[in-house]
Amino acid sequence: MAGAVQWPNYSKVNATSTTNGSNGQSGNVMGKDQFLKILITQLRNQDPAAPMQDREFIAQMAQFSSLEQMMNMTKEIQDLRQSLGIASGMIGREVTWLTYDESGEPTGQGTGVVDGIVIKEGAQYAEIGGKQIAVSDIVGMRTVTEEATP
């Protein structure tokens, strides 16, 4: 794109990975790529006799910057949730997780003690009784207390 504006801290690779639906978001979610395209189109097609006011342009730049920062924060929070150090704290604890049917509809909950943590395709799974449960499906955790035997 000749004459395109290069925004600081804007990464095309990062933008496409977070706006094309590959992270679980709907394709209807407007990302920073779409926002930037609209802004550039608006600048190209503005009336030369009545160009966009500086205030409007600055406000739109602030919106773009805010959008970018929110997307960065979302990525950091997702990375934090997937931290192996945090997930490894589940080992030996009883957890409760959501169960789903074949169509992806929730059907209830399961419980069990976490035997280990496995990373598969970039996601973490808790090994529970031979099953692998996505860490993101875990909704509760408690310490297992062994009852004293007389």
N, C-alpha and C. Protein backbone atom coordinates (compact mmCIF):
# COMPACT_ATOMS: atom_id res chain seq x y z
N MET A 1 0.85 -1.16 0.00
CA MET A 1 0.00 0.00 0.00
C MET A 1 0.90 1.23 0.00
N ALA A 2 1.03 1.92 -1.10
CA ALA A 2 1.90 3.07 -1.21
C ALA A 2 1.35 4.22 -0.38
N GLY A 3 2.24 4.86 0.36
CA GLY A 3 1.82 6.00 1.17
C GLY A 3 1.07 5.62 2.43
N ALA A 4 1.07 4.34 2.78
CA ALA A 4 0.35 3.91 3.98
C ALA A 4 1.08 4.41 5.21
N VAL A 5 0.33 4.72 6.22
CA VAL A 5 0.89 5.20 7.47
C VAL A 5 1.40 4.00 8.26
N GLN A 6 2.61 4.08 8.79
CA GLN A 6 3.16 3.00 9.63
C GLN A 6 2.99 3.43 11.09
N TRP A 7 2.15 2.72 11.82
CA TRP A 7 1.89 3.06 13.21
C TRP A 7 2.94 2.42 14.10
N PRO A 8 3.41 3.13 15.13
CA PRO A 8 4.39 2.54 16.04
C PRO A 8 3.75 1.37 16.79
N ASN A 9 4.53 0.35 17.05
CA ASN A 9 4.10 -0.84 17.79
C ASN A 9 3.02 -1.63 17.08
N TYR A 10 2.80 -1.39 15.80
CA TYR A 10 1.77 -2.13 15.07
C TYR A 10 2.45 -3.26 14.32
N SER A 11 2.02 -4.47 14.57
CA SER A 11 2.60 -5.63 13.93
C SER A 11 1.54 -6.34 13.11
N LYS A 12 1.74 -6.43 11.81
CA LYS A 12 0.79 -7.10 10.92
C LYS A 12 0.61 -8.56 11.33
N VAL A 13 1.69 -9.23 11.70
CA VAL A 13 1.60 -10.64 12.12
C VAL A 13 0.76 -10.75 13.37
N ASN A 14 1.04 -9.90 14.36
CA ASN A 14 0.28 -9.92 15.61
C ASN A 14 -1.18 -9.58 15.36
N ALA A 15 -1.42 -8.62 14.49
CA ALA A 15 -2.80 -8.19 14.23
C ALA A 15 -3.61 -9.30 13.57
N THR A 16 -3.03 -9.98 12.60
CA THR A 16 -3.81 -11.01 11.91
C THR A 16 -4.06 -12.20 12.81
N SER A 17 -3.15 -12.48 13.72
CA SER A 17 -3.36 -13.64 14.59
C SER A 17 -4.45 -13.37 15.62
N THR A 18 -4.76 -12.09 15.86
CA THR A 18 -5.77 -11.81 16.87
C THR A 18 -7.09 -11.33 16.28
N THR A 19 -7.15 -11.12 14.97
CA THR A 19 -8.40 -10.60 14.42
C THR A 19 -9.08 -11.52 13.43
N ASN A 20 -8.45 -12.62 13.09
CA ASN A 20 -9.05 -13.46 12.07
C ASN A 20 -9.87 -14.61 12.64
N GLY A 21 -10.10 -14.61 13.94
CA GLY A 21 -10.93 -15.63 14.52
C GLY A 21 -10.14 -16.83 15.00
N SER A 22 -8.82 -16.86 14.83
CA SER A 22 -8.04 -18.03 15.21
C SER A 22 -7.90 -18.17 16.71
N ASN A 23 -8.22 -17.16 17.46
CA ASN A 23 -8.12 -17.25 18.90
C ASN A 23 -9.47 -17.48 19.55
N GLY A 24 -10.42 -17.93 18.80
CA GLY A 24 -11.73 -18.24 19.34
C GLY A 24 -12.74 -17.11 19.21
N GLN A 25 -12.28 -15.96 18.72
CA GLN A 25 -13.21 -14.86 18.56
C GLN A 25 -14.02 -15.05 17.30
N SER A 26 -15.19 -14.50 17.31
CA SER A 26 -16.06 -14.55 16.13
C SER A 26 -15.47 -13.72 15.02
N GLY A 27 -15.73 -14.09 13.78
CA GLY A 27 -15.27 -13.32 12.64
C GLY A 27 -15.96 -11.97 12.57
N ASN A 28 -17.01 -11.74 13.35
CA ASN A 28 -17.73 -10.47 13.35
C ASN A 28 -17.09 -9.43 14.26
N VAL A 29 -16.05 -9.80 15.00
CA VAL A 29 -15.40 -8.88 15.91
C VAL A 29 -14.48 -7.97 15.11
N MET A 30 -14.62 -6.67 15.31
CA MET A 30 -13.78 -5.73 14.58
C MET A 30 -12.45 -5.63 15.28
N GLY A 31 -11.38 -5.90 14.55
CA GLY A 31 -10.03 -5.83 15.09
C GLY A 31 -9.32 -4.59 14.63
N LYS A 32 -8.05 -4.51 15.01
CA LYS A 32 -7.31 -3.31 14.67
C LYS A 32 -7.00 -3.20 13.19
N ASP A 33 -6.91 -4.32 12.47
CA ASP A 33 -6.71 -4.24 11.02
C ASP A 33 -7.90 -3.56 10.35
N GLN A 34 -9.11 -3.98 10.73
CA GLN A 34 -10.31 -3.39 10.14
C GLN A 34 -10.43 -1.91 10.52
N PHE A 35 -10.12 -1.60 11.77
CA PHE A 35 -10.19 -0.21 12.23
C PHE A 35 -9.22 0.65 11.44
N LEU A 36 -8.00 0.14 11.23
CA LEU A 36 -6.99 0.89 10.49
C LEU A 36 -7.41 1.08 9.03
N LYS A 37 -8.01 0.06 8.41
CA LYS A 37 -8.48 0.18 7.03
C LYS A 37 -9.56 1.25 6.91
N ILE A 38 -10.47 1.28 7.87
CA ILE A 38 -11.53 2.29 7.84
C ILE A 38 -10.92 3.68 7.98
N LEU A 39 -9.98 3.85 8.90
CA LEU A 39 -9.35 5.15 9.11
C LEU A 39 -8.61 5.61 7.86
N ILE A 40 -7.86 4.72 7.22
CA ILE A 40 -7.11 5.09 6.01
C ILE A 40 -8.07 5.42 4.88
N THR A 41 -9.14 4.63 4.74
CA THR A 41 -10.15 4.92 3.70
C THR A 41 -10.79 6.29 3.95
N GLN A 42 -11.06 6.57 5.20
CA GLN A 42 -11.66 7.86 5.54
C GLN A 42 -10.71 9.00 5.17
N LEU A 43 -9.41 8.83 5.45
CA LEU A 43 -8.45 9.88 5.13
C LEU A 43 -8.31 10.06 3.62
N ARG A 44 -8.31 8.95 2.88
CA ARG A 44 -8.17 9.03 1.42
C ARG A 44 -9.38 9.70 0.76
N ASN A 45 -10.55 9.49 1.30
CA ASN A 45 -11.77 9.96 0.66
C ASN A 45 -12.35 11.23 1.28
N GLN A 46 -11.58 11.88 2.12
CA GLN A 46 -12.13 13.09 2.72
C GLN A 46 -12.20 14.22 1.69
N ASP A 47 -13.08 15.14 1.95
CA ASP A 47 -13.28 16.29 1.08
C ASP A 47 -12.11 17.25 1.27
N PRO A 48 -11.33 17.54 0.19
CA PRO A 48 -10.18 18.44 0.33
C PRO A 48 -10.59 19.84 0.78
N ALA A 49 -11.81 20.23 0.46
CA ALA A 49 -12.28 21.57 0.86
C ALA A 49 -12.64 21.61 2.34
N ALA A 50 -12.93 20.44 2.92
CA ALA A 50 -13.28 20.37 4.35
C ALA A 50 -12.60 19.14 4.94
N PRO A 51 -11.27 19.20 5.10
CA PRO A 51 -10.55 18.02 5.61
C PRO A 51 -10.93 17.72 7.06
N MET A 52 -10.60 16.53 7.45
CA MET A 52 -10.88 16.09 8.82
C MET A 52 -10.18 17.03 9.80
N GLN A 53 -10.89 17.41 10.83
CA GLN A 53 -10.32 18.28 11.84
C GLN A 53 -9.27 17.52 12.65
N ASP A 54 -8.28 18.25 13.15
CA ASP A 54 -7.22 17.63 13.96
C ASP A 54 -7.80 16.88 15.15
N ARG A 55 -8.83 17.47 15.78
CA ARG A 55 -9.44 16.84 16.96
C ARG A 55 -10.01 15.47 16.60
N GLU A 56 -10.68 15.38 15.44
CA GLU A 56 -11.27 14.11 15.02
C GLU A 56 -10.18 13.08 14.77
N PHE A 57 -9.13 13.50 14.08
CA PHE A 57 -8.04 12.59 13.76
C PHE A 57 -7.37 12.09 15.04
N ILE A 58 -7.11 13.00 15.96
CA ILE A 58 -6.47 12.63 17.23
C ILE A 58 -7.37 11.69 18.03
N ALA A 59 -8.67 11.95 18.02
CA ALA A 59 -9.60 11.07 18.74
C ALA A 59 -9.59 9.67 18.13
N GLN A 60 -9.56 9.58 16.81
CA GLN A 60 -9.54 8.27 16.17
C GLN A 60 -8.21 7.56 16.42
N MET A 61 -7.13 8.30 16.45
CA MET A 61 -5.82 7.70 16.77
C MET A 61 -5.82 7.17 18.21
N ALA A 62 -6.44 7.92 19.11
CA ALA A 62 -6.53 7.47 20.50
C ALA A 62 -7.37 6.19 20.60
N GLN A 63 -8.45 6.12 19.82
CA GLN A 63 -9.26 4.91 19.81
C GLN A 63 -8.46 3.73 19.28
N PHE A 64 -7.69 3.97 18.23
CA PHE A 64 -6.86 2.91 17.66
C PHE A 64 -5.82 2.44 18.68
N SER A 65 -5.19 3.37 19.35
CA SER A 65 -4.19 3.03 20.37
C SER A 65 -4.83 2.25 21.52
N SER A 66 -6.01 2.66 21.95
CA SER A 66 -6.72 1.96 23.02
C SER A 66 -7.08 0.54 22.60
N LEU A 67 -7.53 0.39 21.36
CA LEU A 67 -7.87 -0.94 20.85
C LEU A 67 -6.64 -1.83 20.85
N GLU A 68 -5.53 -1.31 20.39
CA GLU A 68 -4.29 -2.08 20.35
C GLU A 68 -3.86 -2.50 21.75
N GLN A 69 -3.93 -1.59 22.71
CA GLN A 69 -3.54 -1.91 24.08
C GLN A 69 -4.48 -2.95 24.70
N MET A 70 -5.78 -2.86 24.43
CA MET A 70 -6.72 -3.86 24.95
C MET A 70 -6.41 -5.24 24.38
N MET A 71 -6.08 -5.29 23.10
CA MET A 71 -5.75 -6.57 22.48
C MET A 71 -4.46 -7.14 23.08
N ASN A 72 -3.49 -6.27 23.34
CA ASN A 72 -2.24 -6.72 23.97
C ASN A 72 -2.51 -7.24 25.37
N MET A 73 -3.37 -6.56 26.12
CA MET A 73 -3.71 -7.00 27.48
C MET A 73 -4.42 -8.35 27.45
N THR A 74 -5.31 -8.53 26.50
CA THR A 74 -6.02 -9.80 26.36
C THR A 74 -5.03 -10.93 26.11
N LYS A 75 -4.07 -10.70 25.24
CA LYS A 75 -3.05 -11.73 24.95
C LYS A 75 -2.24 -12.04 26.20
N GLU A 76 -1.85 -11.02 26.94
CA GLU A 76 -1.06 -11.23 28.16
C GLU A 76 -1.86 -12.02 29.20
N ILE A 77 -3.14 -11.70 29.33
CA ILE A 77 -3.98 -12.43 30.29
C ILE A 77 -4.12 -13.88 29.87
N GLN A 78 -4.29 -14.14 28.57
CA GLN A 78 -4.37 -15.52 28.09
C GLN A 78 -3.07 -16.25 28.35
N ASP A 79 -1.94 -15.58 28.12
CA ASP A 79 -0.64 -16.20 28.38
C ASP A 79 -0.48 -16.51 29.87
N LEU A 80 -0.93 -15.60 30.72
CA LEU A 80 -0.84 -15.81 32.15
C LEU A 80 -1.69 -17.00 32.58
N ARG A 81 -2.90 -17.12 32.01
CA ARG A 81 -3.77 -18.25 32.33
C ARG A 81 -3.13 -19.57 31.93
N GLN A 82 -2.31 -19.53 30.88
CA GLN A 82 -1.68 -20.75 30.40
C GLN A 82 -0.30 -20.97 31.01
N SER A 83 0.06 -20.20 32.02
CA SER A 83 1.36 -20.34 32.66
C SER A 83 1.48 -21.71 33.31
N LEU A 84 2.54 -22.42 32.99
CA LEU A 84 2.75 -23.76 33.52
C LEU A 84 2.92 -23.74 35.03
N GLY A 85 3.52 -22.68 35.56
CA GLY A 85 3.70 -22.58 37.01
C GLY A 85 2.37 -22.53 37.74
N ILE A 86 1.42 -21.82 37.19
CA ILE A 86 0.11 -21.73 37.82
C ILE A 86 -0.63 -23.05 37.70
N ALA A 87 -0.60 -23.65 36.51
CA ALA A 87 -1.33 -24.91 36.29
C ALA A 87 -0.73 -26.04 37.11
N SER A 88 0.59 -26.04 37.30
CA SER A 88 1.21 -27.13 38.05
C SER A 88 0.78 -27.12 39.51
N GLY A 89 0.28 -26.01 40.00
CA GLY A 89 -0.26 -25.94 41.36
C GLY A 89 -1.53 -26.75 41.54
N MET A 90 -2.13 -27.21 40.43
CA MET A 90 -3.34 -28.03 40.51
C MET A 90 -3.03 -29.49 40.80
N ILE A 91 -1.79 -29.91 40.57
CA ILE A 91 -1.44 -31.32 40.74
C ILE A 91 -1.70 -31.74 42.19
N GLY A 92 -2.44 -32.84 42.34
CA GLY A 92 -2.78 -33.37 43.66
C GLY A 92 -4.03 -32.75 44.27
N ARG A 93 -4.64 -31.81 43.57
CA ARG A 93 -5.86 -31.17 44.06
C ARG A 93 -7.07 -31.70 43.32
N GLU A 94 -8.21 -31.65 43.99
CA GLU A 94 -9.46 -32.06 43.35
C GLU A 94 -10.01 -30.86 42.59
N VAL A 95 -10.35 -31.10 41.34
CA VAL A 95 -10.90 -30.03 40.50
C VAL A 95 -12.27 -30.42 39.98
N THR A 96 -13.02 -29.39 39.63
CA THR A 96 -14.32 -29.57 38.99
C THR A 96 -14.24 -28.92 37.63
N TRP A 97 -14.74 -29.60 36.61
CA TRP A 97 -14.68 -29.06 35.25
C TRP A 97 -16.03 -29.23 34.57
N LEU A 98 -16.21 -28.43 33.54
CA LEU A 98 -17.44 -28.49 32.74
C LEU A 98 -17.33 -29.64 31.75
N THR A 99 -18.43 -30.36 31.54
CA THR A 99 -18.49 -31.41 30.53
C THR A 99 -19.41 -30.96 29.40
N TYR A 100 -19.13 -31.44 28.19
CA TYR A 100 -19.86 -31.03 27.01
C TYR A 100 -20.28 -32.25 26.19
N ASP A 101 -21.39 -32.12 25.45
CA ASP A 101 -21.79 -33.19 24.54
C ASP A 101 -21.08 -33.00 23.19
N GLU A 102 -21.39 -33.84 22.23
CA GLU A 102 -20.72 -33.81 20.93
C GLU A 102 -20.90 -32.48 20.19
N SER A 103 -22.02 -31.80 20.43
CA SER A 103 -22.27 -30.53 19.74
C SER A 103 -21.65 -29.33 20.46
N GLY A 104 -21.00 -29.58 21.60
CA GLY A 104 -20.35 -28.50 22.33
C GLY A 104 -21.23 -27.85 23.38
N GLU A 105 -22.43 -28.40 23.60
CA GLU A 105 -23.33 -27.86 24.61
C GLU A 105 -22.93 -28.40 25.99
N PRO A 106 -22.93 -27.55 27.02
CA PRO A 106 -22.58 -28.03 28.37
C PRO A 106 -23.62 -29.04 28.87
N THR A 107 -23.12 -30.11 29.47
CA THR A 107 -24.02 -31.15 29.98
C THR A 107 -23.93 -31.31 31.49
N GLY A 108 -22.94 -30.74 32.11
CA GLY A 108 -22.79 -30.88 33.55
C GLY A 108 -21.36 -30.63 33.98
N GLN A 109 -20.99 -31.31 35.07
CA GLN A 109 -19.64 -31.13 35.61
C GLN A 109 -19.06 -32.49 35.99
N GLY A 110 -17.74 -32.55 35.99
CA GLY A 110 -17.02 -33.72 36.44
C GLY A 110 -16.07 -33.31 37.54
N THR A 111 -15.65 -34.26 38.35
CA THR A 111 -14.68 -33.98 39.40
C THR A 111 -13.62 -35.07 39.41
N GLY A 112 -12.45 -34.73 39.88
CA GLY A 112 -11.37 -35.69 40.00
C GLY A 112 -10.11 -35.01 40.48
N VAL A 113 -9.11 -35.84 40.81
CA VAL A 113 -7.83 -35.33 41.31
C VAL A 113 -6.85 -35.24 40.14
N VAL A 114 -6.16 -34.12 40.04
CA VAL A 114 -5.22 -33.87 38.95
C VAL A 114 -3.94 -34.68 39.19
N ASP A 115 -3.60 -35.53 38.20
CA ASP A 115 -2.39 -36.34 38.27
C ASP A 115 -1.20 -35.63 37.64
N GLY A 116 -1.44 -34.76 36.66
CA GLY A 116 -0.36 -34.06 35.98
C GLY A 116 -0.91 -33.03 35.01
N ILE A 117 0.00 -32.27 34.42
CA ILE A 117 -0.36 -31.24 33.44
C ILE A 117 0.35 -31.57 32.13
N VAL A 118 -0.38 -31.50 31.02
CA VAL A 118 0.15 -31.79 29.69
C VAL A 118 -0.10 -30.58 28.81
N ILE A 119 0.89 -30.25 27.97
CA ILE A 119 0.71 -29.18 26.99
C ILE A 119 0.59 -29.84 25.63
N LYS A 120 -0.53 -29.56 24.96
CA LYS A 120 -0.80 -30.16 23.66
C LYS A 120 -1.34 -29.07 22.74
N GLU A 121 -0.68 -28.85 21.61
CA GLU A 121 -1.08 -27.85 20.62
C GLU A 121 -1.23 -26.46 21.24
N GLY A 122 -0.33 -26.12 22.13
CA GLY A 122 -0.32 -24.79 22.73
C GLY A 122 -1.31 -24.58 23.86
N ALA A 123 -2.07 -25.60 24.21
CA ALA A 123 -3.05 -25.49 25.30
C ALA A 123 -2.67 -26.46 26.40
N GLN A 124 -3.07 -26.13 27.62
CA GLN A 124 -2.76 -26.98 28.77
C GLN A 124 -3.95 -27.85 29.11
N TYR A 125 -3.64 -29.08 29.48
CA TYR A 125 -4.66 -30.05 29.88
C TYR A 125 -4.25 -30.66 31.20
N ALA A 126 -5.23 -30.87 32.06
CA ALA A 126 -5.00 -31.56 33.33
C ALA A 126 -5.29 -33.03 33.10
N GLU A 127 -4.36 -33.89 33.50
CA GLU A 127 -4.58 -35.34 33.42
C GLU A 127 -5.31 -35.77 34.68
N ILE A 128 -6.50 -36.32 34.49
CA ILE A 128 -7.34 -36.71 35.61
C ILE A 128 -7.89 -38.10 35.31
N GLY A 129 -7.40 -39.10 36.04
CA GLY A 129 -7.90 -40.46 35.85
C GLY A 129 -7.81 -40.95 34.42
N GLY A 130 -6.73 -40.66 33.72
CA GLY A 130 -6.56 -41.11 32.34
C GLY A 130 -7.18 -40.20 31.30
N LYS A 131 -7.92 -39.19 31.70
CA LYS A 131 -8.54 -38.24 30.76
C LYS A 131 -7.69 -36.97 30.74
N GLN A 132 -7.80 -36.25 29.64
CA GLN A 132 -7.16 -34.94 29.54
C GLN A 132 -8.26 -33.89 29.46
N ILE A 133 -8.31 -33.04 30.48
CA ILE A 133 -9.32 -31.99 30.59
C ILE A 133 -8.65 -30.65 30.35
N ALA A 134 -9.21 -29.85 29.45
CA ALA A 134 -8.65 -28.52 29.17
C ALA A 134 -8.67 -27.69 30.45
N VAL A 135 -7.54 -27.07 30.76
CA VAL A 135 -7.44 -26.24 31.96
C VAL A 135 -8.48 -25.12 31.92
N SER A 136 -8.80 -24.64 30.74
CA SER A 136 -9.80 -23.56 30.61
C SER A 136 -11.20 -24.04 30.98
N ASP A 137 -11.45 -25.35 31.01
CA ASP A 137 -12.75 -25.89 31.39
C ASP A 137 -12.88 -26.10 32.89
N ILE A 138 -11.78 -25.95 33.62
CA ILE A 138 -11.82 -26.17 35.07
C ILE A 138 -12.46 -24.95 35.73
N VAL A 139 -13.48 -25.23 36.56
CA VAL A 139 -14.24 -24.15 37.20
C VAL A 139 -14.09 -24.12 38.72
N GLY A 140 -13.43 -25.11 39.30
CA GLY A 140 -13.27 -25.13 40.75
C GLY A 140 -12.11 -26.02 41.15
N MET A 141 -11.56 -25.75 42.33
CA MET A 141 -10.43 -26.53 42.81
C MET A 141 -10.44 -26.50 44.33
N ARG A 142 -10.10 -27.65 44.93
CA ARG A 142 -10.00 -27.69 46.39
C ARG A 142 -8.89 -28.65 46.77
N THR A 143 -8.36 -28.47 47.96
CA THR A 143 -7.30 -29.33 48.47
C THR A 143 -7.92 -30.64 48.94
N VAL A 144 -7.29 -31.74 48.56
CA VAL A 144 -7.77 -33.05 48.98
C VAL A 144 -7.22 -33.31 50.38
N THR A 145 -8.15 -33.64 51.29
CA THR A 145 -7.73 -33.99 52.65
C THR A 145 -7.93 -35.46 52.85
N GLU A 146 -6.85 -36.12 53.25
CA GLU A 146 -6.94 -37.57 53.49
C GLU A 146 -7.49 -37.77 54.89
N GLU A 147 -8.47 -38.64 54.96
CA GLU A 147 -9.06 -38.93 56.27
C GLU A 147 -8.13 -39.86 57.02
N ALA A 148 -8.01 -39.62 58.32
CA ALA A 148 -7.14 -40.43 59.16
C ALA A 148 -7.77 -41.81 59.34
N THR A 149 -6.94 -42.84 59.19
CA THR A 149 -7.45 -44.19 59.38
C THR A 149 -7.19 -44.61 60.82
N PRO A 150 -8.19 -45.23 61.49
CA PRO A 150 -8.01 -45.60 62.89
C PRO A 150 -7.07 -46.76 63.07
